[in-house]
N, C-alpha and C. Protein backbone atom coordinates (compact mmCIF):
# COMPACT_ATOMS: atom_id res chain seq x y z
N PRO A 1 0.80 -1.21 0.00
CA PRO A 1 0.00 0.00 0.00
C PRO A 1 0.84 1.26 0.00
N HIS A 2 2.02 1.23 0.64
CA HIS A 2 2.84 2.44 0.71
C HIS A 2 3.48 2.78 -0.61
N GLU A 3 3.53 1.83 -1.55
CA GLU A 3 4.17 2.12 -2.82
C GLU A 3 3.25 2.89 -3.77
N LEU A 4 1.94 2.85 -3.56
CA LEU A 4 1.03 3.51 -4.48
C LEU A 4 1.21 5.02 -4.54
N PRO A 5 1.39 5.75 -3.43
CA PRO A 5 1.64 7.19 -3.58
C PRO A 5 2.90 7.46 -4.41
N GLY A 6 3.91 6.61 -4.29
CA GLY A 6 5.10 6.76 -5.12
C GLY A 6 4.79 6.55 -6.59
N LYS A 7 3.90 5.58 -6.88
CA LYS A 7 3.49 5.35 -8.26
C LYS A 7 2.72 6.55 -8.81
N ALA A 8 1.91 7.15 -7.97
CA ALA A 8 1.17 8.34 -8.40
C ALA A 8 2.14 9.47 -8.72
N GLY A 9 3.14 9.65 -7.88
CA GLY A 9 4.15 10.68 -8.14
C GLY A 9 4.93 10.41 -9.41
N PHE A 10 5.26 9.12 -9.63
CA PHE A 10 5.99 8.75 -10.85
C PHE A 10 5.14 9.06 -12.08
N ALA A 11 3.85 8.69 -12.02
CA ALA A 11 2.96 8.96 -13.16
C ALA A 11 2.90 10.46 -13.45
N MET A 12 2.77 11.26 -12.41
CA MET A 12 2.72 12.71 -12.61
C MET A 12 4.02 13.24 -13.19
N ALA A 13 5.15 12.70 -12.71
CA ALA A 13 6.45 13.19 -13.18
C ALA A 13 6.68 12.87 -14.65
N VAL A 14 6.45 11.61 -15.05
CA VAL A 14 6.73 11.26 -16.44
C VAL A 14 5.73 11.90 -17.39
N GLN A 15 4.50 12.03 -16.96
CA GLN A 15 3.53 12.68 -17.84
C GLN A 15 3.75 14.19 -17.90
N SER A 16 4.39 14.75 -16.90
CA SER A 16 4.80 16.15 -16.97
C SER A 16 5.83 16.34 -18.08
N ALA A 17 6.67 15.34 -18.28
CA ALA A 17 7.64 15.41 -19.39
C ALA A 17 6.91 15.48 -20.72
N ALA A 18 5.83 14.69 -20.87
CA ALA A 18 5.05 14.73 -22.12
C ALA A 18 4.38 16.08 -22.30
N ILE A 19 3.84 16.63 -21.24
CA ILE A 19 3.20 17.95 -21.31
C ILE A 19 4.21 19.00 -21.76
N THR A 20 5.40 18.93 -21.16
CA THR A 20 6.47 19.87 -21.53
C THR A 20 6.83 19.72 -23.00
N GLY A 21 6.93 18.48 -23.47
CA GLY A 21 7.25 18.24 -24.88
C GLY A 21 6.20 18.84 -25.81
N TYR A 22 4.93 18.62 -25.49
CA TYR A 22 3.87 19.20 -26.33
C TYR A 22 3.91 20.72 -26.32
N MET A 23 4.16 21.31 -25.16
CA MET A 23 4.20 22.77 -25.08
C MET A 23 5.40 23.33 -25.85
N ILE A 24 6.52 22.60 -25.84
CA ILE A 24 7.68 23.03 -26.64
C ILE A 24 7.32 23.00 -28.13
N LEU A 25 6.68 21.91 -28.57
CA LEU A 25 6.31 21.82 -29.99
C LEU A 25 5.29 22.88 -30.38
N ALA A 26 4.41 23.24 -29.46
CA ALA A 26 3.40 24.25 -29.77
C ALA A 26 4.01 25.63 -30.01
N ARG A 27 5.22 25.85 -29.53
CA ARG A 27 5.87 27.16 -29.68
C ARG A 27 6.79 27.24 -30.90
N LYS A 28 6.67 26.27 -31.81
CA LYS A 28 7.51 26.23 -33.01
C LYS A 28 8.99 26.36 -32.64
N PRO A 29 9.54 25.34 -31.99
CA PRO A 29 10.91 25.42 -31.50
C PRO A 29 11.94 25.30 -32.63
N PRO A 30 13.19 25.63 -32.33
CA PRO A 30 14.24 25.40 -33.32
C PRO A 30 14.36 23.90 -33.58
N GLN A 31 14.91 23.56 -34.72
CA GLN A 31 14.97 22.17 -35.15
C GLN A 31 15.71 21.27 -34.16
N TRP A 32 16.72 21.77 -33.48
CA TRP A 32 17.49 20.93 -32.56
C TRP A 32 16.67 20.50 -31.34
N LEU A 33 15.54 21.18 -31.07
CA LEU A 33 14.69 20.80 -29.94
C LEU A 33 13.60 19.79 -30.30
N LEU A 34 13.41 19.51 -31.60
CA LEU A 34 12.34 18.61 -32.01
C LEU A 34 12.53 17.20 -31.47
N SER A 35 13.71 16.63 -31.65
CA SER A 35 13.94 15.26 -31.17
C SER A 35 13.80 15.14 -29.66
N PRO A 36 14.42 16.02 -28.87
CA PRO A 36 14.21 15.91 -27.42
C PRO A 36 12.75 16.07 -27.01
N ALA A 37 12.01 16.97 -27.67
CA ALA A 37 10.60 17.15 -27.32
C ALA A 37 9.80 15.89 -27.64
N LEU A 38 10.05 15.30 -28.80
CA LEU A 38 9.33 14.07 -29.17
C LEU A 38 9.71 12.91 -28.25
N MET A 39 10.96 12.84 -27.84
CA MET A 39 11.39 11.79 -26.91
C MET A 39 10.71 11.99 -25.54
N ALA A 40 10.59 13.22 -25.10
CA ALA A 40 9.92 13.49 -23.82
C ALA A 40 8.45 13.10 -23.89
N ILE A 41 7.82 13.38 -25.02
CA ILE A 41 6.41 12.99 -25.19
C ILE A 41 6.28 11.48 -25.15
N SER A 42 7.13 10.79 -25.90
CA SER A 42 7.07 9.33 -25.95
C SER A 42 7.32 8.72 -24.58
N ALA A 43 8.33 9.19 -23.90
CA ALA A 43 8.65 8.65 -22.57
C ALA A 43 7.56 8.99 -21.57
N GLY A 44 6.93 10.12 -21.73
CA GLY A 44 5.92 10.55 -20.78
C GLY A 44 4.59 9.87 -20.90
N ILE A 45 4.23 9.43 -22.12
CA ILE A 45 2.92 8.80 -22.27
C ILE A 45 2.97 7.28 -22.21
N VAL A 46 4.13 6.69 -22.32
CA VAL A 46 4.24 5.23 -22.30
C VAL A 46 3.67 4.61 -21.02
N PRO A 47 3.95 5.13 -19.83
CA PRO A 47 3.37 4.49 -18.64
C PRO A 47 1.84 4.41 -18.66
N SER A 48 1.20 5.41 -19.22
CA SER A 48 -0.26 5.36 -19.26
C SER A 48 -0.76 4.36 -20.29
N LEU A 49 0.04 4.07 -21.30
CA LEU A 49 -0.35 3.08 -22.29
C LEU A 49 -0.11 1.65 -21.80
N CYS A 50 0.70 1.52 -20.78
CA CYS A 50 1.07 0.20 -20.27
C CYS A 50 0.46 -0.08 -18.90
N CYS A 51 -0.65 0.55 -18.60
CA CYS A 51 -1.28 0.34 -17.29
C CYS A 51 -1.74 -1.10 -17.16
N ILE A 52 -1.35 -1.72 -16.09
CA ILE A 52 -1.86 -3.05 -15.83
C ILE A 52 -3.13 -2.92 -15.01
N PRO A 53 -4.03 -3.88 -15.14
CA PRO A 53 -5.26 -3.78 -14.35
C PRO A 53 -4.95 -3.78 -12.86
N PRO A 54 -5.76 -3.11 -12.05
CA PRO A 54 -5.54 -3.13 -10.60
C PRO A 54 -5.62 -4.55 -10.08
N SER A 55 -4.97 -4.81 -8.96
CA SER A 55 -4.90 -6.17 -8.43
C SER A 55 -6.27 -6.74 -8.13
N TRP A 56 -7.21 -5.90 -7.69
CA TRP A 56 -8.54 -6.44 -7.40
C TRP A 56 -9.20 -6.97 -8.66
N LEU A 57 -8.92 -6.35 -9.82
CA LEU A 57 -9.53 -6.83 -11.05
C LEU A 57 -8.96 -8.18 -11.45
N THR A 58 -7.65 -8.31 -11.36
CA THR A 58 -7.06 -9.59 -11.73
C THR A 58 -7.42 -10.68 -10.74
N THR A 59 -7.58 -10.32 -9.47
CA THR A 59 -7.93 -11.31 -8.45
C THR A 59 -9.35 -11.79 -8.60
N TRP A 60 -10.28 -10.87 -8.78
CA TRP A 60 -11.69 -11.24 -8.72
C TRP A 60 -12.33 -11.50 -10.07
N ALA A 61 -11.81 -11.00 -11.14
CA ALA A 61 -12.43 -11.26 -12.44
C ALA A 61 -12.00 -12.60 -13.02
N GLY A 62 -10.88 -13.12 -12.51
CA GLY A 62 -10.43 -14.43 -12.96
C GLY A 62 -10.24 -14.49 -14.46
N PRO A 63 -10.85 -15.48 -15.10
CA PRO A 63 -10.64 -15.63 -16.54
C PRO A 63 -11.28 -14.52 -17.37
N HIS A 64 -12.06 -13.67 -16.73
CA HIS A 64 -12.75 -12.58 -17.44
C HIS A 64 -12.01 -11.25 -17.33
N VAL A 65 -10.80 -11.26 -16.80
CA VAL A 65 -10.07 -10.00 -16.58
C VAL A 65 -9.85 -9.26 -17.90
N GLY A 66 -9.59 -9.98 -18.98
CA GLY A 66 -9.39 -9.32 -20.27
C GLY A 66 -10.64 -8.60 -20.74
N LEU A 67 -11.78 -9.23 -20.54
CA LEU A 67 -13.05 -8.62 -20.93
C LEU A 67 -13.28 -7.32 -20.15
N PHE A 68 -13.09 -7.38 -18.83
CA PHE A 68 -13.34 -6.18 -18.02
C PHE A 68 -12.29 -5.10 -18.25
N SER A 69 -11.07 -5.51 -18.53
CA SER A 69 -10.03 -4.51 -18.85
C SER A 69 -10.40 -3.78 -20.13
N GLY A 70 -10.90 -4.51 -21.11
CA GLY A 70 -11.31 -3.88 -22.36
C GLY A 70 -12.54 -3.00 -22.19
N LEU A 71 -13.51 -3.47 -21.41
CA LEU A 71 -14.73 -2.69 -21.22
C LEU A 71 -14.47 -1.36 -20.52
N GLN A 72 -13.48 -1.34 -19.62
CA GLN A 72 -13.21 -0.08 -18.93
C GLN A 72 -12.56 0.94 -19.86
N ASP A 73 -12.04 0.51 -21.00
CA ASP A 73 -11.44 1.43 -21.97
C ASP A 73 -12.45 2.09 -22.90
N ILE A 74 -13.66 1.56 -22.97
CA ILE A 74 -14.64 2.05 -23.93
C ILE A 74 -14.96 3.54 -23.75
N PRO A 75 -15.27 4.02 -22.53
CA PRO A 75 -15.59 5.46 -22.42
C PRO A 75 -14.44 6.37 -22.88
N GLY A 76 -13.23 6.02 -22.50
CA GLY A 76 -12.09 6.83 -22.91
C GLY A 76 -11.86 6.81 -24.41
N ASN A 77 -12.03 5.64 -25.02
CA ASN A 77 -11.87 5.55 -26.47
C ASN A 77 -12.97 6.31 -27.22
N MET A 78 -14.17 6.30 -26.68
CA MET A 78 -15.26 7.07 -27.30
C MET A 78 -14.96 8.58 -27.21
N LEU A 79 -14.46 9.02 -26.05
CA LEU A 79 -14.10 10.43 -25.89
C LEU A 79 -12.96 10.80 -26.84
N ALA A 80 -11.96 9.93 -26.95
CA ALA A 80 -10.84 10.19 -27.86
C ALA A 80 -11.34 10.30 -29.31
N MET A 81 -12.26 9.43 -29.69
CA MET A 81 -12.81 9.48 -31.04
C MET A 81 -13.51 10.81 -31.28
N LEU A 82 -14.27 11.27 -30.30
CA LEU A 82 -14.96 12.55 -30.43
C LEU A 82 -13.95 13.70 -30.56
N ILE A 83 -12.94 13.69 -29.71
CA ILE A 83 -11.93 14.75 -29.75
C ILE A 83 -11.18 14.74 -31.08
N TYR A 84 -10.73 13.56 -31.51
CA TYR A 84 -9.95 13.48 -32.75
C TYR A 84 -10.78 13.84 -33.98
N SER A 85 -12.09 13.64 -33.92
CA SER A 85 -12.92 14.02 -35.06
C SER A 85 -12.98 15.54 -35.22
N GLN A 86 -12.68 16.27 -34.15
CA GLN A 86 -12.73 17.73 -34.19
C GLN A 86 -11.38 18.37 -34.54
N ILE A 87 -10.32 17.56 -34.58
CA ILE A 87 -8.98 18.11 -34.84
C ILE A 87 -8.90 18.88 -36.16
N PRO A 88 -9.46 18.37 -37.28
CA PRO A 88 -9.38 19.17 -38.52
C PRO A 88 -10.01 20.56 -38.38
N LEU A 89 -11.09 20.66 -37.65
CA LEU A 89 -11.72 21.97 -37.44
C LEU A 89 -10.84 22.88 -36.60
N VAL A 90 -10.22 22.31 -35.57
CA VAL A 90 -9.34 23.10 -34.70
C VAL A 90 -8.14 23.61 -35.51
N VAL A 91 -7.56 22.73 -36.34
CA VAL A 91 -6.41 23.14 -37.16
C VAL A 91 -6.82 24.26 -38.11
N LYS A 92 -7.99 24.12 -38.70
CA LYS A 92 -8.45 25.13 -39.66
C LYS A 92 -8.67 26.49 -38.99
N LYS A 93 -9.25 26.48 -37.79
CA LYS A 93 -9.58 27.74 -37.11
C LYS A 93 -8.43 28.32 -36.30
N ARG A 94 -7.65 27.45 -35.62
CA ARG A 94 -6.66 27.97 -34.67
C ARG A 94 -5.24 27.48 -34.92
N GLY A 95 -5.06 26.52 -35.82
CA GLY A 95 -3.72 26.05 -36.15
C GLY A 95 -3.27 24.88 -35.27
N TRP A 96 -2.08 24.37 -35.61
CA TRP A 96 -1.54 23.20 -34.91
C TRP A 96 -1.14 23.51 -33.48
N LYS A 97 -0.83 24.77 -33.18
CA LYS A 97 -0.47 25.12 -31.81
C LYS A 97 -1.60 24.76 -30.85
N ALA A 98 -2.83 25.04 -31.23
CA ALA A 98 -3.98 24.71 -30.38
C ALA A 98 -4.12 23.20 -30.20
N VAL A 99 -3.84 22.44 -31.25
CA VAL A 99 -3.94 20.98 -31.17
C VAL A 99 -2.90 20.44 -30.18
N LEU A 100 -1.68 20.93 -30.28
CA LEU A 100 -0.62 20.47 -29.38
C LEU A 100 -0.92 20.87 -27.93
N GLN A 101 -1.49 22.04 -27.75
CA GLN A 101 -1.89 22.45 -26.40
C GLN A 101 -3.03 21.56 -25.87
N LEU A 102 -3.94 21.18 -26.75
CA LEU A 102 -5.01 20.26 -26.37
C LEU A 102 -4.44 18.91 -25.96
N TYR A 103 -3.46 18.42 -26.70
CA TYR A 103 -2.81 17.15 -26.33
C TYR A 103 -2.14 17.26 -24.96
N ALA A 104 -1.48 18.39 -24.72
CA ALA A 104 -0.85 18.60 -23.40
C ALA A 104 -1.90 18.58 -22.30
N LEU A 105 -3.04 19.20 -22.55
CA LEU A 105 -4.13 19.21 -21.57
C LEU A 105 -4.65 17.79 -21.33
N GLN A 106 -4.81 17.01 -22.40
CA GLN A 106 -5.28 15.63 -22.26
C GLN A 106 -4.33 14.81 -21.41
N VAL A 107 -3.05 14.93 -21.66
CA VAL A 107 -2.06 14.17 -20.89
C VAL A 107 -2.09 14.61 -19.43
N GLY A 108 -2.21 15.91 -19.20
CA GLY A 108 -2.27 16.41 -17.83
C GLY A 108 -3.50 15.90 -17.08
N LEU A 109 -4.65 15.92 -17.73
CA LEU A 109 -5.87 15.40 -17.09
C LEU A 109 -5.75 13.90 -16.84
N GLY A 110 -5.16 13.18 -17.79
CA GLY A 110 -4.95 11.75 -17.61
C GLY A 110 -4.03 11.46 -16.43
N ALA A 111 -2.98 12.26 -16.30
CA ALA A 111 -2.05 12.08 -15.18
C ALA A 111 -2.76 12.33 -13.85
N CYS A 112 -3.59 13.35 -13.81
CA CYS A 112 -4.34 13.64 -12.57
C CYS A 112 -5.29 12.50 -12.23
N CYS A 113 -5.98 11.96 -13.23
CA CYS A 113 -6.91 10.84 -12.99
C CYS A 113 -6.15 9.62 -12.50
N MET A 114 -5.03 9.30 -13.13
CA MET A 114 -4.25 8.13 -12.72
C MET A 114 -3.72 8.31 -11.30
N ALA A 115 -3.20 9.48 -11.00
CA ALA A 115 -2.67 9.73 -9.66
C ALA A 115 -3.79 9.66 -8.62
N ALA A 116 -4.95 10.23 -8.94
CA ALA A 116 -6.07 10.19 -8.00
C ALA A 116 -6.52 8.77 -7.75
N PHE A 117 -6.61 7.97 -8.79
CA PHE A 117 -6.99 6.57 -8.62
C PHE A 117 -6.00 5.84 -7.72
N GLN A 118 -4.71 6.04 -7.98
CA GLN A 118 -3.71 5.33 -7.19
C GLN A 118 -3.70 5.79 -5.74
N LEU A 119 -3.90 7.08 -5.51
CA LEU A 119 -3.97 7.58 -4.14
C LEU A 119 -5.21 7.06 -3.41
N LEU A 120 -6.34 7.02 -4.11
CA LEU A 120 -7.56 6.48 -3.51
C LEU A 120 -7.40 5.00 -3.19
N GLU A 121 -6.78 4.26 -4.09
CA GLU A 121 -6.56 2.83 -3.87
C GLU A 121 -5.61 2.62 -2.70
N ALA A 122 -4.63 3.50 -2.56
CA ALA A 122 -3.69 3.36 -1.45
C ALA A 122 -4.36 3.69 -0.11
N SER A 123 -5.27 4.64 -0.12
CA SER A 123 -5.90 5.03 1.13
C SER A 123 -6.96 4.03 1.59
N ARG A 124 -7.59 3.35 0.65
CA ARG A 124 -8.61 2.38 1.02
C ARG A 124 -8.63 1.27 -0.03
N PRO A 125 -7.69 0.33 0.07
CA PRO A 125 -7.61 -0.73 -0.94
C PRO A 125 -8.89 -1.56 -1.00
N MET A 126 -9.26 -1.92 -2.19
CA MET A 126 -10.44 -2.76 -2.36
C MET A 126 -10.06 -4.18 -1.99
N GLU A 127 -10.75 -4.73 -1.02
CA GLU A 127 -10.43 -6.08 -0.55
C GLU A 127 -11.49 -7.08 -0.96
N GLY A 128 -12.68 -6.61 -1.29
CA GLY A 128 -13.74 -7.51 -1.71
C GLY A 128 -13.94 -7.43 -3.20
N SER A 129 -14.72 -8.34 -3.71
CA SER A 129 -14.96 -8.38 -5.14
C SER A 129 -16.08 -7.43 -5.55
N PRO A 130 -15.84 -6.59 -6.54
CA PRO A 130 -16.93 -5.78 -7.08
C PRO A 130 -17.84 -6.61 -7.97
N PHE A 131 -17.45 -7.85 -8.24
CA PHE A 131 -18.20 -8.71 -9.13
C PHE A 131 -19.11 -9.69 -8.39
N LEU A 132 -19.27 -9.49 -7.09
CA LEU A 132 -20.18 -10.35 -6.33
C LEU A 132 -21.48 -9.61 -6.09
N MET A 133 -22.55 -10.34 -6.21
CA MET A 133 -23.86 -9.77 -5.90
C MET A 133 -24.46 -10.61 -4.78
N LEU A 134 -25.21 -9.97 -3.91
CA LEU A 134 -25.89 -10.73 -2.87
C LEU A 134 -27.18 -11.30 -3.44
N GLU A 135 -27.34 -12.57 -3.25
CA GLU A 135 -28.55 -13.23 -3.69
C GLU A 135 -29.62 -12.98 -2.63
N THR A 136 -30.73 -12.44 -3.02
CA THR A 136 -31.76 -12.09 -2.03
C THR A 136 -32.43 -13.32 -1.45
N SER A 137 -32.58 -14.36 -2.24
CA SER A 137 -33.17 -15.58 -1.69
C SER A 137 -32.05 -16.55 -1.34
N GLY A 138 -32.30 -17.42 -0.41
CA GLY A 138 -31.28 -18.41 -0.05
C GLY A 138 -30.41 -17.96 1.09
N GLY A 139 -30.86 -17.05 1.91
CA GLY A 139 -30.11 -16.68 3.11
C GLY A 139 -28.99 -15.69 2.89
N GLY A 140 -29.00 -14.94 1.80
CA GLY A 140 -28.00 -13.90 1.59
C GLY A 140 -26.65 -14.43 1.17
N HIS A 141 -26.60 -15.58 0.54
CA HIS A 141 -25.34 -16.15 0.05
C HIS A 141 -24.77 -15.27 -1.07
N ALA A 142 -23.50 -14.96 -0.99
CA ALA A 142 -22.88 -14.17 -2.05
C ALA A 142 -22.71 -15.03 -3.28
N LYS A 143 -23.13 -14.51 -4.41
CA LYS A 143 -23.10 -15.26 -5.66
C LYS A 143 -22.33 -14.44 -6.69
N SER A 144 -21.44 -15.07 -7.38
CA SER A 144 -20.67 -14.40 -8.41
C SER A 144 -21.56 -14.08 -9.61
N LEU A 145 -21.23 -13.02 -10.30
CA LEU A 145 -21.95 -12.69 -11.53
C LEU A 145 -21.79 -13.79 -12.57
N PHE A 146 -20.73 -14.58 -12.45
CA PHE A 146 -20.42 -15.57 -13.47
C PHE A 146 -20.97 -16.94 -13.15
N GLU A 147 -21.58 -17.08 -11.97
CA GLU A 147 -22.19 -18.35 -11.63
C GLU A 147 -23.53 -18.46 -12.35
N GLY A 148 -23.90 -19.66 -12.72
CA GLY A 148 -25.14 -19.89 -13.45
C GLY A 148 -26.38 -19.73 -12.70
């Protein structure tokens, strides 16, 4: 449990590198800064792309962990699709600088969400299964969603 606040700090630190990279690119930097900015962006967003499911999900979902990991990505992917569909309009009206600033904002919000989740998990780890439902008949026996 004590390692989670450190993970939250790490996520914020590396994603800050990505934010810095996007902000550098938005200012039309000299050519020698392009590679370092792109490397900072790549290094900063990789941890968020490699998130492993929380331990409670792998413990309690069992063979269905892949399904639930995928399902939790749907809202974010729908939002990304909506945002990316508007990029041509943003470029036309405000230019690429606004797009790069939007990307920096997205990474920053993602870092805050990831850090908040990890801090909340550290303060009160989930010990029970979110996939259990109480059966109303039969004396209140806990029944898995996956039981027949």
